[in-house]
Amino acid sequence: MSRRLEHVFRAFLITIVFASSAPVKAAESTKAFHDALATAYGHYRESVFYAERGNAMSAAFELDGLMAAWANISTTFGTPPDAYSKDGQWLTTLRDIGRRIGTAQKSAAEGRAEDTLSALTPIRRILSDLRRRNGVVIFSDCIDTANAAFKKLFHFRRQPPDFSKPEQVKDLGGRLKSVITSYQRCRDTAPPKIAADAQFQRLMKDSLFYLDRIWLAIEEKNQLNVVNILRRVVSSDKILWLRFG
């Protein structure tokens, strides 16, 4: 092979290597961020859980873990990972979340569980908005969709449908279908580790079973059964986010 051809061949190989390795590195940077976010979000969910129940002391303990995890994210991902590289609000979002965590820490340390919850609650939406505006979807978004759908259905827990009014029956059916579809999607798209988890499998099986029973309650025009089923499923809906969101 001539020297000129050898240089051309080497240049060709280098081009192939960079072309094939760049997407891998980009994917790895996004995965690393999502892995770090999963760690932080676990502490976040626990913090919210305790704050909702008025347990500021336990919330404070989880908030220490959350702050440490978020500090790691802020330091490691000052430059956004590939999937978020065009996000002009990246640093503003990270700092906003860090500030909210700090406010929650202070409130929890002072025993103010309600104020702790107020500081923490928007973070879930902020993270969801971050992913949405960058076209990123993770399993947590599936859980958010399922929870949001169930929240709309739970309206009928306190205001049972009037079965003499077709529009209310239609509304109930539409909301029920949305919840069932969302739950099925989460069941079918769960990451392998979650899909294999016995608690996740039980939550999915039981929730879908009881949600499906609402169709029978509608057919029988039984308000009490609608209410009782919703009361039963609401705890599972909360646990779904707490453990797997």
C-alpha atoms as a PDB file:
ATOM      1  CA  MET A   1       0.000   0.000   0.000  1.00  0.00           C
ATOM      2  CA  SER A   2       1.395   3.451  -0.941  1.00  0.00           C
ATOM      3  CA  ARG A   3       2.058   5.977   1.833  1.00  0.00           C
ATOM      4  CA  ARG A   4      -0.701   8.221   0.477  1.00  0.00           C
ATOM      5  CA  LEU A   5      -3.244   5.394   0.459  1.00  0.00           C
ATOM      6  CA  GLU A   6      -2.131   4.384   3.938  1.00  0.00           C
ATOM      7  CA  HIS A   7      -2.855   7.907   5.261  1.00  0.00           C
ATOM      8  CA  VAL A   8      -6.251   7.914   3.581  1.00  0.00           C
ATOM      9  CA  PHE A   9      -7.075   4.500   5.059  1.00  0.00           C
ATOM     10  CA  ARG A  10      -6.038   5.595   8.563  1.00  0.00           C
ATOM     11  CA  ALA A  11      -8.110   8.756   8.249  1.00  0.00           C
ATOM     12  CA  PHE A  12     -11.065   6.611   7.197  1.00  0.00           C
ATOM     13  CA  LEU A  13     -10.635   4.348  10.235  1.00  0.00           C
ATOM     14  CA  ILE A  14     -10.387   7.318  12.603  1.00  0.00           C
ATOM     15  CA  THR A  15     -13.584   8.753  11.128  1.00  0.00           C
ATOM     16  CA  ILE A  16     -15.384   5.466  11.717  1.00  0.00           C
ATOM     17  CA  VAL A  17     -14.111   5.204  15.303  1.00  0.00           C
ATOM     18  CA  PHE A  18     -15.213   8.734  16.189  1.00  0.00           C
ATOM     19  CA  ALA A  19     -18.529   8.353  14.408  1.00  0.00           C
ATOM     20  CA  SER A  20     -19.295   5.139  16.283  1.00  0.00           C
ATOM     21  CA  SER A  21     -17.946   6.192  19.697  1.00  0.00           C
ATOM     22  CA  ALA A  22     -19.518   9.680  19.901  1.00  0.00           C
ATOM     23  CA  PRO A  23     -23.125   8.440  20.259  1.00  0.00           C
ATOM     24  CA  VAL A  24     -22.009   5.954  22.893  1.00  0.00           C
ATOM     25  CA  LYS A  25     -20.353   8.678  24.963  1.00  0.00           C
ATOM     26  CA  ALA A  26     -23.393  10.902  24.511  1.00  0.00           C
ATOM     27  CA  ALA A  27     -25.711   8.121  25.618  1.00  0.00           C
ATOM     28  CA  GLU A  28     -23.452   7.382  28.570  1.00  0.00           C
ATOM     29  CA  SER A  29     -23.563  11.016  29.742  1.00  0.00           C
ATOM     30  CA  THR A  30     -27.367  10.992  29.669  1.00  0.00           C
ATOM     31  CA  LYS A  31     -27.551   7.623  31.407  1.00  0.00           C
ATOM     32  CA  ALA A  32     -25.117   8.815  34.088  1.00  0.00           C
ATOM     33  CA  PHE A  33     -27.345  11.817  34.745  1.00  0.00           C
ATOM     34  CA  HIS A  34     -30.497   9.707  34.924  1.00  0.00           C
ATOM     35  CA  ASP A  35     -28.788   7.269  37.286  1.00  0.00           C
ATOM     36  CA  ALA A  36     -27.707  10.126  39.556  1.00  0.00           C
ATOM     37  CA  LEU A  37     -31.186  11.620  39.318  1.00  0.00           C
ATOM     38  CA  ALA A  38     -32.741   8.288  40.332  1.00  0.00           C
ATOM     39  CA  THR A  39     -30.647   8.299  43.513  1.00  0.00           C
ATOM     40  CA  ALA A  40     -31.677  11.848  44.360  1.00  0.00           C
ATOM     41  CA  TYR A  41     -35.313  11.214  43.475  1.00  0.00           C
ATOM     42  CA  GLY A  42     -35.468   8.263  45.839  1.00  0.00           C
ATOM     43  CA  HIS A  43     -34.580  10.607  48.723  1.00  0.00           C
ATOM     44  CA  TYR A  44     -37.040  13.150  47.348  1.00  0.00           C
ATOM     45  CA  ARG A  45     -39.975  10.738  47.359  1.00  0.00           C
ATOM     46  CA  GLU A  46     -39.203   9.623  50.904  1.00  0.00           C
ATOM     47  CA  SER A  47     -38.929  13.260  52.030  1.00  0.00           C
ATOM     48  CA  VAL A  48     -42.328  14.043  50.543  1.00  0.00           C
ATOM     49  CA  PHE A  49     -43.809  10.910  52.121  1.00  0.00           C
ATOM     50  CA  TYR A  50     -42.703  11.912  55.631  1.00  0.00           C
ATOM     51  CA  ALA A  51     -43.611  15.579  55.183  1.00  0.00           C
ATOM     52  CA  GLU A  52     -47.132  14.628  54.069  1.00  0.00           C
ATOM     53  CA  ARG A  53     -47.518  12.710  57.317  1.00  0.00           C
ATOM     54  CA  GLY A  54     -46.228  15.541  59.484  1.00  0.00           C
ATOM     55  CA  ASN A  55     -42.988  13.747  60.340  1.00  0.00           C
ATOM     56  CA  ALA A  56     -40.493  16.587  59.912  1.00  0.00           C
ATOM     57  CA  MET A  57     -37.687  14.738  61.702  1.00  0.00           C
ATOM     58  CA  SER A  58     -37.676  11.780  59.326  1.00  0.00           C
ATOM     59  CA  ALA A  59     -38.108  14.155  56.376  1.00  0.00           C
ATOM     60  CA  ALA A  60     -35.009  16.041  57.545  1.00  0.00           C
ATOM     61  CA  PHE A  61     -32.973  12.833  57.502  1.00  0.00           C
ATOM     62  CA  GLU A  62     -33.995  12.075  53.909  1.00  0.00           C
ATOM     63  CA  LEU A  63     -33.413  15.690  52.922  1.00  0.00           C
ATOM     64  CA  ASP A  64     -29.778  15.397  53.995  1.00  0.00           C
ATOM     65  CA  GLY A  65     -29.404  12.543  51.518  1.00  0.00           C
ATOM     66  CA  LEU A  66     -31.284  14.502  48.868  1.00  0.00           C
ATOM     67  CA  MET A  67     -29.093  17.576  49.285  1.00  0.00           C
ATOM     68  CA  ALA A  68     -25.914  15.504  49.044  1.00  0.00           C
ATOM     69  CA  ALA A  69     -27.193  13.750  45.921  1.00  0.00           C
ATOM     70  CA  TRP A  70     -28.262  17.026  44.344  1.00  0.00           C
ATOM     71  CA  ALA A  71     -24.910  18.666  45.132  1.00  0.00           C
ATOM     72  CA  ASN A  72     -23.272  15.782  43.284  1.00  0.00           C
ATOM     73  CA  ILE A  73     -25.558  16.333  40.284  1.00  0.00           C
ATOM     74  CA  SER A  74     -24.896  20.084  40.250  1.00  0.00           C
ATOM     75  CA  THR A  75     -21.132  19.534  40.388  1.00  0.00           C
ATOM     76  CA  THR A  76     -20.969  16.673  37.896  1.00  0.00           C
ATOM     77  CA  PHE A  77     -23.439  18.043  35.369  1.00  0.00           C
ATOM     78  CA  GLY A  78     -22.682  21.740  35.297  1.00  0.00           C
ATOM     79  CA  THR A  79     -22.493  21.089  31.571  1.00  0.00           C
ATOM     80  CA  PRO A  80     -25.725  19.341  30.596  1.00  0.00           C
ATOM     81  CA  PRO A  81     -25.566  15.765  29.270  1.00  0.00           C
ATOM     82  CA  ASP A  82     -26.183  15.201  25.592  1.00  0.00           C
ATOM     83  CA  ALA A  83     -29.965  14.787  25.683  1.00  0.00           C
ATOM     84  CA  TYR A  84     -30.260  18.140  27.475  1.00  0.00           C
ATOM     85  CA  SER A  85     -27.444  19.953  25.675  1.00  0.00           C
ATOM     86  CA  LYS A  86     -29.742  22.500  24.019  1.00  0.00           C
ATOM     87  CA  ASP A  87     -31.612  23.390  27.196  1.00  0.00           C
ATOM     88  CA  GLY A  88     -31.046  27.082  27.884  1.00  0.00           C
ATOM     89  CA  GLN A  89     -32.602  26.779  31.351  1.00  0.00           C
ATOM     90  CA  TRP A  90     -30.404  23.905  32.541  1.00  0.00           C
ATOM     91  CA  LEU A  91     -28.365  25.698  35.204  1.00  0.00           C
ATOM     92  CA  THR A  92     -31.339  27.809  36.298  1.00  0.00           C
ATOM     93  CA  THR A  93     -33.342  24.618  36.839  1.00  0.00           C
ATOM     94  CA  LEU A  94     -30.575  22.901  38.819  1.00  0.00           C
ATOM     95  CA  ARG A  95     -30.128  25.956  41.053  1.00  0.00           C
ATOM     96  CA  ASP A  96     -33.877  26.352  41.558  1.00  0.00           C
ATOM     97  CA  ILE A  97     -34.202  22.765  42.726  1.00  0.00           C
ATOM     98  CA  GLY A  98     -31.165  23.134  44.993  1.00  0.00           C
ATOM     99  CA  ARG A  99     -32.690  26.254  46.526  1.00  0.00           C
ATOM    100  CA  ARG A 100     -35.981  24.484  47.165  1.00  0.00           C
ATOM    101  CA  ILE A 101     -34.199  21.575  48.813  1.00  0.00           C
ATOM    102  CA  GLY A 102     -32.346  24.017  51.070  1.00  0.00           C
ATOM    103  CA  THR A 103     -35.619  25.714  52.038  1.00  0.00           C
ATOM    104  CA  ALA A 104     -37.167  22.336  52.794  1.00  0.00           C
ATOM    105  CA  GLN A 105     -34.159  21.383  54.932  1.00  0.00           C
ATOM    106  CA  LYS A 106     -34.542  24.521  57.026  1.00  0.00           C
ATOM    107  CA  SER A 107     -38.274  23.980  57.495  1.00  0.00           C
ATOM    108  CA  ALA A 108     -37.802  20.324  58.436  1.00  0.00           C
ATOM    109  CA  ALA A 109     -35.063  21.185  60.945  1.00  0.00           C
ATOM    110  CA  GLU A 110     -37.511  23.598  62.589  1.00  0.00           C
ATOM    111  CA  GLY A 111     -40.239  20.955  62.701  1.00  0.00           C
ATOM    112  CA  ARG A 112     -42.443  22.632  60.085  1.00  0.00           C
ATOM    113  CA  ALA A 113     -43.604  19.670  58.028  1.00  0.00           C
ATOM    114  CA  GLU A 114     -46.237  21.626  56.095  1.00  0.00           C
ATOM    115  CA  ASP A 115     -43.707  24.223  54.932  1.00  0.00           C
ATOM    116  CA  THR A 116     -41.291  21.411  54.078  1.00  0.00           C
ATOM    117  CA  LEU A 117     -43.900  19.865  51.820  1.00  0.00           C
ATOM    118  CA  SER A 118     -44.665  23.223  50.187  1.00  0.00           C
ATOM    119  CA  ALA A 119     -41.006  23.657  49.266  1.00  0.00           C
ATOM    120  CA  LEU A 120     -40.670  20.110  47.931  1.00  0.00           C
ATOM    121  CA  THR A 121     -43.909  19.621  45.992  1.00  0.00           C
ATOM    122  CA  PRO A 122     -43.010  21.715  42.898  1.00  0.00           C
ATOM    123  CA  ILE A 123     -39.779  19.773  42.298  1.00  0.00           C
ATOM    124  CA  ARG A 124     -41.643  16.835  40.776  1.00  0.00           C
ATOM    125  CA  ARG A 125     -43.246  19.118  38.197  1.00  0.00           C
ATOM    126  CA  ILE A 126     -39.995  20.998  37.545  1.00  0.00           C
ATOM    127  CA  LEU A 127     -38.163  17.768  36.721  1.00  0.00           C
ATOM    128  CA  SER A 128     -41.024  16.591  34.531  1.00  0.00           C
ATOM    129  CA  ASP A 129     -40.987  19.918  32.668  1.00  0.00           C
ATOM    130  CA  LEU A 130     -37.207  19.640  32.225  1.00  0.00           C
ATOM    131  CA  ARG A 131     -37.567  16.304  30.485  1.00  0.00           C
ATOM    132  CA  ARG A 132     -40.600  17.331  28.466  1.00  0.00           C
ATOM    133  CA  ARG A 133     -39.006  20.415  26.928  1.00  0.00           C
ATOM    134  CA  ASN A 134     -35.991  18.324  25.930  1.00  0.00           C
ATOM    135  CA  GLY A 135     -38.006  15.460  24.477  1.00  0.00           C
ATOM    136  CA  VAL A 136     -36.766  13.025  27.129  1.00  0.00           C
ATOM    137  CA  VAL A 137     -39.011  10.299  28.547  1.00  0.00           C
ATOM    138  CA  ILE A 138     -38.089   7.984  31.439  1.00  0.00           C
ATOM    139  CA  PHE A 139     -40.121   5.511  33.463  1.00  0.00           C
ATOM    140  CA  SER A 140     -40.827   8.133  36.115  1.00  0.00           C
ATOM    141  CA  ASP A 141     -42.879  10.004  33.511  1.00  0.00           C
ATOM    142  CA  CYS A 142     -45.064   6.936  33.039  1.00  0.00           C
ATOM    143  CA  ILE A 143     -45.749   6.862  36.783  1.00  0.00           C
ATOM    144  CA  ASP A 144     -46.521  10.591  36.751  1.00  0.00           C
ATOM    145  CA  THR A 145     -49.047  10.077  33.953  1.00  0.00           C
ATOM    146  CA  ALA A 146     -50.698   7.188  35.802  1.00  0.00           C
ATOM    147  CA  ASN A 147     -50.898   9.181  39.033  1.00  0.00           C
ATOM    148  CA  ALA A 148     -52.336  12.206  37.239  1.00  0.00           C
ATOM    149  CA  ALA A 149     -54.963  10.061  35.524  1.00  0.00           C
ATOM    150  CA  PHE A 150     -55.944   8.427  38.803  1.00  0.00           C
ATOM    151  CA  LYS A 151     -56.208  11.819  40.508  1.00  0.00           C
ATOM    152  CA  LYS A 152     -58.842  12.816  37.945  1.00  0.00           C
ATOM    153  CA  LEU A 153     -60.711   9.544  38.472  1.00  0.00           C
ATOM    154  CA  PHE A 154     -60.546   9.956  42.261  1.00  0.00           C
ATOM    155  CA  HIS A 155     -62.844  12.958  41.860  1.00  0.00           C
ATOM    156  CA  PHE A 156     -65.682  10.434  41.950  1.00  0.00           C
ATOM    157  CA  ARG A 157     -64.629   9.261  45.408  1.00  0.00           C
ATOM    158  CA  ARG A 158     -66.067  12.395  46.995  1.00  0.00           C
ATOM    159  CA  GLN A 159     -68.601  13.167  44.288  1.00  0.00           C
ATOM    160  CA  PRO A 160     -70.063   9.809  43.211  1.00  0.00           C
ATOM    161  CA  PRO A 161     -71.544   9.744  39.716  1.00  0.00           C
ATOM    162  CA  ASP A 162     -75.233  10.292  39.231  1.00  0.00           C
ATOM    163  CA  PHE A 163     -76.113   7.328  37.033  1.00  0.00           C
ATOM    164  CA  SER A 164     -79.291   9.043  35.862  1.00  0.00           C
ATOM    165  CA  LYS A 165     -77.079  11.575  34.031  1.00  0.00           C
ATOM    166  CA  PRO A 166     -75.424  10.077  30.923  1.00  0.00           C
ATOM    167  CA  GLU A 167     -72.756  12.800  30.766  1.00  0.00           C
ATOM    168  CA  GLN A 168     -71.476  11.844  34.228  1.00  0.00           C
ATOM    169  CA  VAL A 169     -71.407   8.156  33.334  1.00  0.00           C
ATOM    170  CA  LYS A 170     -69.513   8.966  30.147  1.00  0.00           C
ATOM    171  CA  ASP A 171     -67.055  11.132  32.097  1.00  0.00           C
ATOM    172  CA  LEU A 172     -66.473   8.362  34.637  1.00  0.00           C
ATOM    173  CA  GLY A 173     -65.888   5.818  31.880  1.00  0.00           C
ATOM    174  CA  GLY A 174     -63.461   8.083  30.049  1.00  0.00           C
ATOM    175  CA  ARG A 175     -61.403   8.763  33.165  1.00  0.00           C
ATOM    176  CA  LEU A 176     -61.418   5.089  34.105  1.00  0.00           C
ATOM    177  CA  LYS A 177     -60.194   4.051  30.655  1.00  0.00           C
ATOM    178  CA  SER A 178     -57.380   6.613  30.877  1.00  0.00           C
ATOM    179  CA  VAL A 179     -56.202   5.231  34.247  1.00  0.00           C
ATOM    180  CA  ILE A 180     -56.298   1.613  33.103  1.00  0.00           C
ATOM    181  CA  THR A 181     -54.402   2.446  29.912  1.00  0.00           C
ATOM    182  CA  SER A 182     -51.765   4.378  31.898  1.00  0.00           C
ATOM    183  CA  TYR A 183     -51.298   1.574  34.402  1.00  0.00           C
ATOM    184  CA  GLN A 184     -51.004  -1.018  31.642  1.00  0.00           C
ATOM    185  CA  ARG A 185     -48.389   1.104  29.885  1.00  0.00           C
ATOM    186  CA  CYS A 186     -46.315   1.324  33.090  1.00  0.00           C
ATOM    187  CA  ARG A 187     -46.636  -2.407  33.602  1.00  0.00           C
ATOM    188  CA  ASP A 188     -45.545  -3.151  30.044  1.00  0.00           C
ATOM    189  CA  THR A 189     -42.680  -0.632  29.820  1.00  0.00           C
ATOM    190  CA  ALA A 190     -41.140  -0.987  33.279  1.00  0.00           C
ATOM    191  CA  PRO A 191     -37.337  -1.434  33.322  1.00  0.00           C
ATOM    192  CA  PRO A 192     -36.330  -5.072  33.926  1.00  0.00           C
ATOM    193  CA  LYS A 193     -35.368  -4.533  37.572  1.00  0.00           C
ATOM    194  CA  ILE A 194     -38.713  -2.913  38.399  1.00  0.00           C
ATOM    195  CA  ALA A 195     -40.707  -5.327  36.247  1.00  0.00           C
ATOM    196  CA  ALA A 196     -39.210  -8.217  38.220  1.00  0.00           C
ATOM    197  CA  ASP A 197     -39.953  -6.641  41.597  1.00  0.00           C
ATOM    198  CA  ALA A 198     -42.603  -8.621  43.494  1.00  0.00           C
ATOM    199  CA  GLN A 199     -44.176  -5.512  45.017  1.00  0.00           C
ATOM    200  CA  PHE A 200     -44.465  -3.830  41.622  1.00  0.00           C
ATOM    201  CA  GLN A 201     -46.063  -6.912  40.117  1.00  0.00           C
ATOM    202  CA  ARG A 202     -48.543  -7.111  42.991  1.00  0.00           C
ATOM    203  CA  LEU A 203     -49.407  -3.406  42.745  1.00  0.00           C
ATOM    204  CA  MET A 204     -50.039  -3.673  39.025  1.00  0.00           C
ATOM    205  CA  LYS A 205     -52.085  -6.858  39.275  1.00  0.00           C
ATOM    206  CA  ASP A 206     -54.244  -5.713  42.196  1.00  0.00           C
ATOM    207  CA  SER A 207     -54.774  -2.164  40.929  1.00  0.00           C
ATOM    208  CA  LEU A 208     -55.775  -3.272  37.439  1.00  0.00           C
ATOM    209  CA  PHE A 209     -58.066  -5.938  38.870  1.00  0.00           C
ATOM    210  CA  TYR A 210     -59.965  -3.483  41.072  1.00  0.00           C
ATOM    211  CA  LEU A 211     -60.021  -0.733  38.454  1.00  0.00           C
ATOM    212  CA  ASP A 212     -61.589  -3.192  36.033  1.00  0.00           C
ATOM    213  CA  ARG A 213     -64.280  -3.906  38.650  1.00  0.00           C
ATOM    214  CA  ILE A 214     -65.459  -0.313  38.301  1.00  0.00           C
ATOM    215  CA  TRP A 215     -66.877  -1.248  34.881  1.00  0.00           C
ATOM    216  CA  LEU A 216     -69.158  -3.707  36.656  1.00  0.00           C
ATOM    217  CA  ALA A 217     -70.120  -1.044  39.204  1.00  0.00           C
ATOM    218  CA  ILE A 218     -71.027   1.264  36.312  1.00  0.00           C
ATOM    219  CA  GLU A 219     -73.088  -1.476  34.681  1.00  0.00           C
ATOM    220  CA  GLU A 220     -74.902  -2.075  37.962  1.00  0.00           C
ATOM    221  CA  LYS A 221     -75.200   1.672  38.647  1.00  0.00           C
ATOM    222  CA  ASN A 222     -73.676   1.090  42.063  1.00  0.00           C
ATOM    223  CA  GLN A 223     -72.287   4.322  43.538  1.00  0.00           C
ATOM    224  CA  LEU A 224     -71.065   2.662  46.714  1.00  0.00           C
ATOM    225  CA  ASN A 225     -68.925   0.158  44.842  1.00  0.00           C
ATOM    226  CA  VAL A 226     -67.342   2.941  42.781  1.00  0.00           C
ATOM    227  CA  VAL A 227     -66.451   4.805  45.967  1.00  0.00           C
ATOM    228  CA  ASN A 228     -65.161   1.734  47.797  1.00  0.00           C
ATOM    229  CA  ILE A 229     -62.961   0.632  44.898  1.00  0.00           C
ATOM    230  CA  LEU A 230     -61.441   4.101  44.577  1.00  0.00           C
ATOM    231  CA  ARG A 231     -60.759   4.143  48.307  1.00  0.00           C
ATOM    232  CA  ARG A 232     -59.006   0.825  47.977  1.00  0.00           C
ATOM    233  CA  VAL A 233     -56.861   1.734  44.970  1.00  0.00           C
ATOM    234  CA  VAL A 234     -55.732   5.188  46.146  1.00  0.00           C
ATOM    235  CA  SER A 235     -53.177   3.768  48.590  1.00  0.00           C
ATOM    236  CA  SER A 236     -51.688   1.590  45.837  1.00  0.00           C
ATOM    237  CA  ASP A 237     -51.503   4.621  43.573  1.00  0.00           C
ATOM    238  CA  LYS A 238     -49.467   6.489  46.196  1.00  0.00           C
ATOM    239  CA  ILE A 239     -47.193   3.518  46.854  1.00  0.00           C
ATOM    240  CA  LEU A 240     -46.574   3.161  43.123  1.00  0.00           C
ATOM    241  CA  TRP A 241     -44.932   6.588  43.047  1.00  0.00           C
ATOM    242  CA  LEU A 242     -43.233   6.270  46.427  1.00  0.00           C
ATOM    243  CA  ARG A 243     -41.465   3.017  45.546  1.00  0.00           C
ATOM    244  CA  PHE A 244     -41.114   3.127  41.771  1.00  0.00           C
ATOM    245  CA  GLY A 245     -41.588   6.747  40.639  1.00  0.00           C
END
